[in-house]
Amino acid sequence: MYKPIQVDRENLTIMGVQFPDLATLERTANAIGSNMFEGFEPTEELIRIYLDYKTKKITNIQLLNKLKEIL
């Protein structure tokens, strides 16, 4: 079942995770929302990992390793 997530465009946060700009926040919110209709249940940790990957703070390999650790 779909559950809305907390998106704060004024403070640039999704579920408490700080984003660098509105465009990145909106792209991420749209991606998360689309996947939620398919059953994805986001957590703060998953959003943080996704943001780190999209802002190139972690590599593809690091992304996969982090996801293996938590899933």
Protein backbone atom coordinates (compact mmCIF):
# COMPACT_ATOMS: atom_id res chain seq x y z
CA MET A 1 0.00 0.00 0.00
CA TYR A 2 1.27 3.49 -0.90
CA LYS A 3 2.28 5.69 2.04
CA PRO A 4 3.24 9.33 1.47
CA ILE A 5 6.77 10.36 2.43
CA GLN A 6 7.81 13.59 4.09
CA VAL A 7 9.08 16.03 1.43
CA ASP A 8 10.01 19.53 2.62
CA ARG A 9 10.78 21.70 -0.41
CA GLU A 10 11.49 24.78 1.71
CA ASN A 11 14.23 23.06 3.71
CA LEU A 12 15.25 20.77 0.82
CA THR A 13 14.70 17.50 2.71
CA ILE A 14 13.10 14.14 2.08
CA MET A 15 12.50 12.13 5.24
CA GLY A 16 15.03 14.37 6.97
CA VAL A 17 17.78 13.86 4.35
CA GLN A 18 19.22 17.22 3.22
CA PHE A 19 19.52 17.83 -0.54
CA PRO A 20 21.90 20.31 -2.18
CA ASP A 21 19.24 21.95 -4.38
CA LEU A 22 15.57 21.84 -5.33
CA ALA A 23 16.16 20.16 -8.70
CA THR A 24 17.95 17.20 -7.11
CA LEU A 25 15.25 16.92 -4.44
CA GLU A 26 12.46 16.91 -7.01
CA ARG A 27 14.16 14.35 -9.27
CA THR A 28 14.72 12.10 -6.28
CA ALA A 29 11.16 12.54 -4.97
CA ASN A 30 9.78 11.65 -8.42
CA ALA A 31 11.99 8.55 -8.68
CA ILE A 32 11.07 7.40 -5.18
CA GLY A 33 7.37 8.05 -5.78
CA SER A 34 7.37 6.05 -9.00
CA ASN A 35 9.06 3.12 -7.30
CA MET A 36 6.71 3.28 -4.32
CA PHE A 37 3.81 2.41 -6.63
CA GLU A 38 5.72 -0.80 -7.38
CA GLY A 39 6.07 -1.64 -3.69
CA PHE A 40 9.33 0.13 -2.74
CA GLU A 41 9.31 1.30 0.88
CA PRO A 42 11.92 4.07 1.30
CA THR A 43 13.84 4.65 4.50
CA GLU A 44 16.03 7.55 5.52
CA GLU A 45 19.08 5.32 5.07
CA LEU A 46 18.10 4.29 1.52
CA ILE A 47 17.45 7.91 0.55
CA ARG A 48 20.83 8.94 1.93
CA ILE A 49 22.58 6.17 -0.02
CA TYR A 50 20.75 7.14 -3.20
CA LEU A 51 21.70 10.79 -2.74
CA ASP A 52 25.35 9.87 -2.11
CA TYR A 53 25.34 7.87 -5.34
CA LYS A 54 23.62 10.56 -7.41
CA THR A 55 25.99 13.26 -6.13
CA LYS A 56 28.98 11.00 -6.86
CA LYS A 57 30.05 10.64 -3.22
CA ILE A 58 30.05 6.87 -3.68
CA THR A 59 30.83 4.65 -6.67
CA ASN A 60 28.69 1.94 -8.28
CA ILE A 61 30.55 -0.73 -6.31
CA GLN A 62 30.11 1.16 -3.04
CA LEU A 63 26.40 1.56 -3.80
CA LEU A 64 25.98 -2.16 -4.35
CA ASN A 65 27.94 -3.02 -1.22
CA LYS A 66 25.87 -0.63 0.92
CA LEU A 67 22.64 -2.06 -0.47
CA LYS A 68 23.82 -5.62 0.22
CA GLU A 69 24.53 -4.63 3.83
CA ILE A 70 21.06 -3.28 4.52
CA LEU A 71 18.79 -5.40 2.33
